[in-house]
PDB file of N, CA and C in Angstrom:
ATOM      1  N   MET A   1       0.626  -1.045   0.141  1.00  0.00           N
ATOM      2  CA  MET A   1      -0.179  -0.423  -0.326  1.00  0.00           C
ATOM      3  C   MET A   1       0.567   1.413  -0.041  1.00  0.00           C
ATOM      4  N   GLN A   2       0.849   2.185  -0.773  1.00  0.00           N
ATOM      5  CA  GLN A   2       1.371   3.289  -1.192  1.00  0.00           C
ATOM      6  C   GLN A   2       0.787   4.518  -0.186  1.00  0.00           C
ATOM      7  N   PRO A   3       1.522   5.139   0.472  1.00  0.00           N
ATOM      8  CA  PRO A   3       1.488   6.247   1.294  1.00  0.00           C
ATOM      9  C   PRO A   3       0.903   7.591   0.668  1.00  0.00           C
ATOM     10  N   GLN A   4      -0.430   8.166   0.916  1.00  0.00           N
ATOM     11  CA  GLN A   4      -0.896   9.025   0.224  1.00  0.00           C
ATOM     12  C   GLN A   4      -0.309  10.377   0.622  1.00  0.00           C
ATOM     13  N   PRO A   5      -0.047  11.177  -0.311  1.00  0.00           N
ATOM     14  CA  PRO A   5       0.574  12.696  -0.238  1.00  0.00           C
ATOM     15  C   PRO A   5      -0.086  13.380   0.681  1.00  0.00           C
ATOM     16  N   ALA A   6       0.393  14.340   1.922  1.00  0.00           N
ATOM     17  CA  ALA A   6      -0.291  15.046   2.488  1.00  0.00           C
ATOM     18  C   ALA A   6      -1.792  15.840   2.059  1.00  0.00           C
ATOM     19  N   THR A   7      -0.673  16.530   0.838  1.00  0.00           N
ATOM     20  CA  THR A   7      -2.099  17.342   0.131  1.00  0.00           C
ATOM     21  C   THR A   7      -1.823  16.927  -1.467  1.00  0.00           C
ATOM     22  N   PRO A   8      -2.726  17.041  -2.317  1.00  0.00           N
ATOM     23  CA  PRO A   8      -2.416  16.508  -3.969  1.00  0.00           C
ATOM     24  C   PRO A   8      -2.089  17.365  -4.526  1.00  0.00           C
ATOM     25  N   PHE A   9      -1.971  19.098  -3.893  1.00  0.00           N
ATOM     26  CA  PHE A   9      -2.011  20.017  -5.060  1.00  0.00           C
ATOM     27  C   PHE A   9      -0.112  20.062  -4.731  1.00  0.00           C
ATOM     28  N   ARG A  10       0.600  19.939  -3.852  1.00  0.00           N
ATOM     29  CA  ARG A  10       1.701  20.570  -3.654  1.00  0.00           C
ATOM     30  C   ARG A  10       2.803  19.445  -3.770  1.00  0.00           C
ATOM     31  N   VAL A  11       3.951  19.769  -4.343  1.00  0.00           N
ATOM     32  CA  VAL A  11       4.962  18.744  -4.680  1.00  0.00           C
ATOM     33  C   VAL A  11       5.874  18.719  -3.346  1.00  0.00           C
ATOM     34  N   PRO A  12       6.220  17.406  -3.012  1.00  0.00           N
ATOM     35  CA  PRO A  12       6.865  16.922  -1.437  1.00  0.00           C
ATOM     36  C   PRO A  12       8.275  18.169  -1.663  1.00  0.00           C
ATOM     37  N   ASN A  13       8.251  18.728  -0.079  1.00  0.00           N
ATOM     38  CA  ASN A  13       9.500  19.364   0.290  1.00  0.00           C
ATOM     39  C   ASN A  13       9.621  20.776  -0.501  1.00  0.00           C
ATOM     40  N   THR A  14       8.330  21.584  -0.810  1.00  0.00           N
ATOM     41  CA  THR A  14       8.283  22.371  -1.169  1.00  0.00           C
ATOM     42  C   THR A  14       7.533  23.579  -0.255  1.00  0.00           C
ATOM     43  N   PRO A  15       7.787  24.637   0.143  1.00  0.00           N
ATOM     44  CA  PRO A  15       7.235  25.244   1.414  1.00  0.00           C
ATOM     45  C   PRO A  15       5.560  25.417   0.991  1.00  0.00           C
ATOM     46  N   SER A  16       5.007  25.648   1.843  1.00  0.00           N
ATOM     47  CA  SER A  16       3.445  25.656   2.181  1.00  0.00           C
ATOM     48  C   SER A  16       3.254  27.205   1.465  1.00  0.00           C
ATOM     49  N   PRO A  17       2.212  26.946   0.659  1.00  0.00           N
ATOM     50  CA  PRO A  17       1.933  28.315   0.399  1.00  0.00           C
ATOM     51  C   PRO A  17       1.201  29.551   1.203  1.00  0.00           C
ATOM     52  N   PHE A  18       1.126  28.578   2.391  1.00  0.00           N
ATOM     53  CA  PHE A  18      -0.017  29.467   3.492  1.00  0.00           C
ATOM     54  C   PHE A  18       1.582  29.985   4.625  1.00  0.00           C
ATOM     55  N   ALA A  19       2.513  29.741   4.204  1.00  0.00           N
ATOM     56  CA  ALA A  19       3.672  29.690   5.289  1.00  0.00           C
ATOM     57  C   ALA A  19       3.661  31.177   5.091  1.00  0.00           C
ATOM     58  N   GLY A  20       3.947  32.019   4.256  1.00  0.00           N
ATOM     59  CA  GLY A  20       4.017  33.464   4.383  1.00  0.00           C
ATOM     60  C   GLY A  20       2.936  34.158   5.244  1.00  0.00           C
ATOM     61  N   ALA A  21       1.453  33.581   5.135  1.00  0.00           N
ATOM     62  CA  ALA A  21       0.208  34.399   5.973  1.00  0.00           C
ATOM     63  C   ALA A  21       0.544  33.897   7.691  1.00  0.00           C
ATOM     64  N   VAL A  22       1.143  32.907   7.560  1.00  0.00           N
ATOM     65  CA  VAL A  22       1.343  32.970   9.514  1.00  0.00           C
ATOM     66  C   VAL A  22       2.616  33.395   9.785  1.00  0.00           C
ATOM     67  N   THR A  23       2.750  34.398  10.346  1.00  0.00           N
ATOM     68  CA  THR A  23       4.138  34.702  10.841  1.00  0.00           C
ATOM     69  C   THR A  23       4.982  34.389  11.937  1.00  0.00           C
ATOM     70  N   LYS A  24       3.414  33.877  12.700  1.00  0.00           N
ATOM     71  CA  LYS A  24       4.218  33.909  14.406  1.00  0.00           C
ATOM     72  C   LYS A  24       3.908  32.069  14.980  1.00  0.00           C
ATOM     73  N   GLU A  25       4.809  31.868  15.686  1.00  0.00           N
ATOM     74  CA  GLU A  25       4.512  30.438  15.996  1.00  0.00           C
ATOM     75  C   GLU A  25       3.400  30.152  16.621  1.00  0.00           C
ATOM     76  N   LEU A  26       2.665  31.293  17.498  1.00  0.00           N
ATOM     77  CA  LEU A  26       1.370  30.999  17.891  1.00  0.00           C
ATOM     78  C   LEU A  26       0.389  31.841  17.409  1.00  0.00           C
ATOM     79  N   CYS A  27      -0.788  31.457  16.913  1.00  0.00           N
ATOM     80  CA  CYS A  27      -1.676  32.423  16.847  1.00  0.00           C
ATOM     81  C   CYS A  27      -2.769  32.613  17.514  1.00  0.00           C
ATOM     82  N   THR A  28      -3.464  33.357  17.688  1.00  0.00           N
ATOM     83  CA  THR A  28      -4.748  34.011  18.563  1.00  0.00           C
ATOM     84  C   THR A  28      -5.709  33.955  17.743  1.00  0.00           C
ATOM     85  N   VAL A  29      -6.985  33.494  18.563  1.00  0.00           N
ATOM     86  CA  VAL A  29      -8.468  33.806  17.600  1.00  0.00           C
ATOM     87  C   VAL A  29      -8.189  34.998  16.468  1.00  0.00           C
ATOM     88  N   GLU A  30      -7.901  35.953  17.114  1.00  0.00           N
ATOM     89  CA  GLU A  30      -7.949  37.157  16.019  1.00  0.00           C
ATOM     90  C   GLU A  30      -7.062  36.987  15.096  1.00  0.00           C
ATOM     91  N   ASP A  31      -5.524  36.579  15.053  1.00  0.00           N
ATOM     92  CA  ASP A  31      -5.092  36.403  13.919  1.00  0.00           C
ATOM     93  C   ASP A  31      -5.501  35.252  13.224  1.00  0.00           C
ATOM     94  N   LEU A  32      -6.087  33.954  13.579  1.00  0.00           N
ATOM     95  CA  LEU A  32      -6.553  33.458  12.308  1.00  0.00           C
ATOM     96  C   LEU A  32      -7.895  33.781  12.003  1.00  0.00           C
ATOM     97  N   ALA A  33      -8.620  34.910  12.448  1.00  0.00           N
ATOM     98  CA  ALA A  33      -9.889  35.352  11.841  1.00  0.00           C
ATOM     99  C   ALA A  33      -9.275  36.206  10.599  1.00  0.00           C
ATOM    100  N   SER A  34      -7.833  36.874  10.866  1.00  0.00           N
ATOM    101  CA  SER A  34      -7.679  37.717   9.846  1.00  0.00           C
ATOM    102  C   SER A  34      -7.163  36.968   8.606  1.00  0.00           C
ATOM    103  N   ILE A  35      -6.533  35.868   8.871  1.00  0.00           N
ATOM    104  CA  ILE A  35      -6.031  34.953   8.089  1.00  0.00           C
ATOM    105  C   ILE A  35      -6.902  34.292   7.193  1.00  0.00           C
ATOM    106  N   ALA A  36      -8.080  33.752   7.682  1.00  0.00           N
ATOM    107  CA  ALA A  36      -9.348  33.222   7.014  1.00  0.00           C
ATOM    108  C   ALA A  36     -10.106  33.861   6.483  1.00  0.00           C
ATOM    109  N   GLY A  37      -9.912  35.519   6.908  1.00  0.00           N
ATOM    110  CA  GLY A  37     -11.173  36.226   6.344  1.00  0.00           C
ATOM    111  C   GLY A  37     -12.355  36.270   6.845  1.00  0.00           C
ATOM    112  N   VAL A  38     -12.517  36.097   8.235  1.00  0.00           N
ATOM    113  CA  VAL A  38     -13.705  36.132   8.574  1.00  0.00           C
ATOM    114  C   VAL A  38     -13.719  36.731   9.843  1.00  0.00           C
ATOM    115  N   THR A  39     -14.693  36.691  11.011  1.00  0.00           N
ATOM    116  CA  THR A  39     -14.596  37.460  12.085  1.00  0.00           C
ATOM    117  C   THR A  39     -14.346  36.636  13.013  1.00  0.00           C
ATOM    118  N   PRO A  40     -13.464  37.073  14.061  1.00  0.00           N
ATOM    119  CA  PRO A  40     -13.129  36.399  15.358  1.00  0.00           C
ATOM    120  C   PRO A  40     -14.273  35.762  15.784  1.00  0.00           C
ATOM    121  N   ALA A  41     -15.634  35.887  16.059  1.00  0.00           N
ATOM    122  CA  ALA A  41     -16.652  35.180  16.462  1.00  0.00           C
ATOM    123  C   ALA A  41     -16.784  34.059  15.724  1.00  0.00           C
ATOM    124  N   THR A  42     -16.917  34.039  14.174  1.00  0.00           N
ATOM    125  CA  THR A  42     -16.668  32.781  13.555  1.00  0.00           C
ATOM    126  C   THR A  42     -15.625  31.980  14.119  1.00  0.00           C
ATOM    127  N   VAL A  43     -14.518  32.156  14.345  1.00  0.00           N
ATOM    128  CA  VAL A  43     -13.405  31.279  14.490  1.00  0.00           C
ATOM    129  C   VAL A  43     -14.030  30.716  16.104  1.00  0.00           C
ATOM    130  N   ARG A  44     -14.200  31.760  17.082  1.00  0.00           N
ATOM    131  CA  ARG A  44     -14.612  31.151  18.297  1.00  0.00           C
ATOM    132  C   ARG A  44     -15.410  29.988  18.004  1.00  0.00           C
ATOM    133  N   TRP A  45     -16.860  30.094  16.961  1.00  0.00           N
ATOM    134  CA  TRP A  45     -17.876  29.170  17.018  1.00  0.00           C
ATOM    135  C   TRP A  45     -17.123  27.677  16.247  1.00  0.00           C
ATOM    136  N   TRP A  46     -16.176  27.894  15.303  1.00  0.00           N
ATOM    137  CA  TRP A  46     -15.316  26.977  14.703  1.00  0.00           C
ATOM    138  C   TRP A  46     -14.572  26.172  15.830  1.00  0.00           C
ATOM    139  N   VAL A  47     -14.258  26.765  16.896  1.00  0.00           N
ATOM    140  CA  VAL A  47     -13.467  26.058  18.066  1.00  0.00           C
ATOM    141  C   VAL A  47     -14.690  25.404  18.750  1.00  0.00           C
ATOM    142  N   HIS A  48     -15.409  26.359  19.328  1.00  0.00           N
ATOM    143  CA  HIS A  48     -16.913  25.122  19.955  1.00  0.00           C
ATOM    144  C   HIS A  48     -17.129  23.918  18.823  1.00  0.00           C
ATOM    145  N   VAL A  49     -17.159  24.107  17.723  1.00  0.00           N
ATOM    146  CA  VAL A  49     -17.791  22.882  16.963  1.00  0.00           C
ATOM    147  C   VAL A  49     -17.280  21.918  16.615  1.00  0.00           C
ATOM    148  N   GLY A  50     -15.841  22.130  16.807  1.00  0.00           N
ATOM    149  CA  GLY A  50     -14.523  21.217  16.330  1.00  0.00           C
ATOM    150  C   GLY A  50     -14.319  21.477  14.733  1.00  0.00           C
ATOM    151  N   ARG A  51     -14.325  22.749  14.476  1.00  0.00           N
ATOM    152  CA  ARG A  51     -14.145  22.966  12.894  1.00  0.00           C
ATOM    153  C   ARG A  51     -12.996  23.621  13.005  1.00  0.00           C
ATOM    154  N   ALA A  52     -12.200  23.920  13.924  1.00  0.00           N
ATOM    155  CA  ALA A  52     -10.779  25.004  13.675  1.00  0.00           C
ATOM    156  C   ALA A  52      -9.723  24.008  13.899  1.00  0.00           C
ATOM    157  N   PRO A  53      -8.447  24.713  13.692  1.00  0.00           N
ATOM    158  CA  PRO A  53      -7.416  24.110  13.725  1.00  0.00           C
ATOM    159  C   PRO A  53      -7.413  23.416  15.381  1.00  0.00           C
ATOM    160  N   ARG A  54      -6.317  22.813  15.571  1.00  0.00           N
ATOM    161  CA  ARG A  54      -5.924  21.996  16.571  1.00  0.00           C
ATOM    162  C   ARG A  54      -5.570  23.441  17.754  1.00  0.00           C
ATOM    163  N   ASN A  55      -6.358  23.276  19.234  1.00  0.00           N
ATOM    164  CA  ASN A  55      -5.920  24.804  19.576  1.00  0.00           C
ATOM    165  C   ASN A  55      -5.779  24.177  21.008  1.00  0.00           C
ATOM    166  N   PHE A  56      -5.436  24.949  21.954  1.00  0.00           N
ATOM    167  CA  PHE A  56      -5.093  24.881  23.572  1.00  0.00           C
ATOM    168  C   PHE A  56      -5.239  26.138  23.847  1.00  0.00           C
ATOM    169  N   LYS A  57      -5.204  26.306  25.206  1.00  0.00           N
ATOM    170  CA  LYS A  57      -5.221  27.518  26.009  1.00  0.00           C
ATOM    171  C   LYS A  57      -4.126  27.183  27.069  1.00  0.00           C
ATOM    172  N   ILE A  58      -3.157  28.254  27.708  1.00  0.00           N
ATOM    173  CA  ILE A  58      -1.970  28.103  28.597  1.00  0.00           C
ATOM    174  C   ILE A  58      -2.910  27.929  29.881  1.00  0.00           C
ATOM    175  N   ALA A  59      -2.179  26.900  30.673  1.00  0.00           N
ATOM    176  CA  ALA A  59      -2.791  26.811  32.005  1.00  0.00           C
ATOM    177  C   ALA A  59      -3.667  28.208  32.599  1.00  0.00           C
ATOM    178  N   GLY A  60      -4.592  28.082  33.342  1.00  0.00           N
ATOM    179  CA  GLY A  60      -5.134  29.161  33.859  1.00  0.00           C
ATOM    180  C   GLY A  60      -5.625  30.340  32.671  1.00  0.00           C
ATOM    181  N   GLY A  61      -5.232  30.264  31.430  1.00  0.00           N
ATOM    182  CA  GLY A  61      -5.505  31.202  30.898  1.00  0.00           C
ATOM    183  C   GLY A  61      -7.012  31.275  30.264  1.00  0.00           C
ATOM    184  N   ARG A  62      -7.393  32.135  29.762  1.00  0.00           N
ATOM    185  CA  ARG A  62      -8.434  32.461  28.655  1.00  0.00           C
ATOM    186  C   ARG A  62      -8.648  32.472  27.537  1.00  0.00           C
ATOM    187  N   ARG A  63      -7.336  32.581  26.567  1.00  0.00           N
ATOM    188  CA  ARG A  63      -7.444  33.023  25.182  1.00  0.00           C
ATOM    189  C   ARG A  63      -6.805  31.424  24.601  1.00  0.00           C
ATOM    190  N   THR A  64      -7.769  31.546  23.500  1.00  0.00           N
ATOM    191  CA  THR A  64      -7.284  30.207  22.764  1.00  0.00           C
ATOM    192  C   THR A  64      -6.031  30.436  21.816  1.00  0.00           C
ATOM    193  N   TYR A  65      -5.223  29.549  21.594  1.00  0.00           N
ATOM    194  CA  TYR A  65      -3.931  29.641  20.587  1.00  0.00           C
ATOM    195  C   TYR A  65      -4.087  28.567  19.649  1.00  0.00           C
ATOM    196  N   PHE A  66      -3.649  28.483  18.354  1.00  0.00           N
ATOM    197  CA  PHE A  66      -3.300  27.792  17.706  1.00  0.00           C
ATOM    198  C   PHE A  66      -1.836  27.487  17.449  1.00  0.00           C
ATOM    199  N   ALA A  67      -1.349  26.656  16.856  1.00  0.00           N
ATOM    200  CA  ALA A  67       0.123  26.348  16.663  1.00  0.00           C
ATOM    201  C   ALA A  67       0.288  26.931  15.348  1.00  0.00           C
ATOM    202  N   ARG A  68       1.153  27.324  14.706  1.00  0.00           N
ATOM    203  CA  ARG A  68       1.454  27.908  13.217  1.00  0.00           C
ATOM    204  C   ARG A  68       1.202  26.249  12.331  1.00  0.00           C
ATOM    205  N   ALA A  69       2.019  25.367  12.599  1.00  0.00           N
ATOM    206  CA  ALA A  69       2.042  24.164  12.204  1.00  0.00           C
ATOM    207  C   ALA A  69       0.655  23.763  11.774  1.00  0.00           C
ATOM    208  N   ASP A  70      -0.400  23.769  12.732  1.00  0.00           N
ATOM    209  CA  ASP A  70      -1.909  23.350  12.782  1.00  0.00           C
ATOM    210  C   ASP A  70      -2.486  24.370  12.005  1.00  0.00           C
ATOM    211  N   VAL A  71      -2.231  25.495  11.850  1.00  0.00           N
ATOM    212  CA  VAL A  71      -2.977  26.456  10.852  1.00  0.00           C
ATOM    213  C   VAL A  71      -2.713  26.221   9.545  1.00  0.00           C
ATOM    214  N   ILE A  72      -1.439  25.883   9.390  1.00  0.00           N
ATOM    215  CA  ILE A  72      -1.000  25.775   7.905  1.00  0.00           C
ATOM    216  C   ILE A  72      -1.488  24.218   7.663  1.00  0.00           C
ATOM    217  N   ALA A  73      -1.643  23.426   8.171  1.00  0.00           N
ATOM    218  CA  ALA A  73      -2.287  22.235   7.987  1.00  0.00           C
ATOM    219  C   ALA A  73      -3.543  22.447   7.681  1.00  0.00           C
ATOM    220  N   TRP A  74      -4.271  23.012   8.458  1.00  0.00           N
ATOM    221  CA  TRP A  74      -5.673  23.349   8.451  1.00  0.00           C
ATOM    222  C   TRP A  74      -5.645  23.775   7.376  1.00  0.00           C
ATOM    223  N   LEU A  75      -5.183  24.912   6.925  1.00  0.00           N
ATOM    224  CA  LEU A  75      -5.721  25.882   5.918  1.00  0.00           C
ATOM    225  C   LEU A  75      -5.315  24.690   4.476  1.00  0.00           C
ATOM    226  N   GLU A  76      -4.344  24.144   4.305  1.00  0.00           N
ATOM    227  CA  GLU A  76      -4.039  23.249   3.252  1.00  0.00           C
ATOM    228  C   GLU A  76      -5.063  22.175   3.253  1.00  0.00           C
ATOM    229  N   GLN A  77      -5.566  21.670   4.222  1.00  0.00           N
ATOM    230  CA  GLN A  77      -6.962  20.456   4.320  1.00  0.00           C
ATOM    231  C   GLN A  77      -8.101  21.347   3.641  1.00  0.00           C
ATOM    232  N   GLY A  78      -7.898  22.487   3.796  1.00  0.00           N
ATOM    233  CA  GLY A  78      -9.369  23.353   3.055  1.00  0.00           C
ATOM    234  C   GLY A  78      -9.252  23.171   1.712  1.00  0.00           C
ATOM    235  N   ARG A  79      -8.088  23.854   1.334  1.00  0.00           N
ATOM    236  CA  ARG A  79      -7.602  23.990   0.348  1.00  0.00           C
ATOM    237  C   ARG A  79      -7.527  22.822  -0.865  1.00  0.00           C
ATOM    238  N   ALA A  80      -7.175  21.830  -0.257  1.00  0.00           N
ATOM    239  CA  ALA A  80      -7.602  20.530  -0.929  1.00  0.00           C
ATOM    240  C   ALA A  80      -8.796  19.981  -1.463  1.00  0.00           C
ATOM    241  N   GLY A  81      -9.961  20.543  -0.339  1.00  0.00           N
ATOM    242  CA  GLY A  81     -10.941  20.001  -0.389  1.00  0.00           C
ATOM    243  C   GLY A  81     -11.619  21.029  -1.541  1.00  0.00           C
ATOM    244  N   THR A  82     -10.826  21.700  -1.806  1.00  0.00           N
ATOM    245  CA  THR A  82     -11.878  22.844  -3.073  1.00  0.00           C
ATOM    246  C   THR A  82     -11.044  22.631  -4.327  1.00  0.00           C
ATOM    247  N   GLU A  83      -9.979  21.871  -4.483  1.00  0.00           N
ATOM    248  CA  GLU A  83      -9.269  21.707  -5.449  1.00  0.00           C
ATOM    249  C   GLU A  83     -10.211  21.278  -6.500  1.00  0.00           C
ATOM    250  N   THR A  84     -10.500  21.310  -7.956  1.00  0.00           N
ATOM    251  CA  THR A  84     -11.030  20.956  -8.677  1.00  0.00           C
ATOM    252  C   THR A  84     -10.188  20.388  -9.832  1.00  0.00           C
ATOM    253  N   ALA A  85     -10.408  19.025 -10.681  1.00  0.00           N
ATOM    254  CA  ALA A  85      -9.681  18.493 -11.577  1.00  0.00           C
ATOM    255  C   ALA A  85      -9.834  19.485 -12.573  1.00  0.00           C
TER     256      ALA A  85
END
């Protein structure tokens, strides 16, 4: 069984087209909203219903954070789902 490529539109070992959009190692809800072109309330809803990238809160904190790699992977996954042949 051959392993499937992570994304069908990208050549292996090339930088992600989204890497330039995500400039910090940790993104906030506001950062992700800006990148995705939606409101912070939409991102909070995505977190609530499980549609957002993997996220976490720092112990005792209220803010939600997303790792840069997770945001890029989430964007690529969404893009791969909209590609047409």
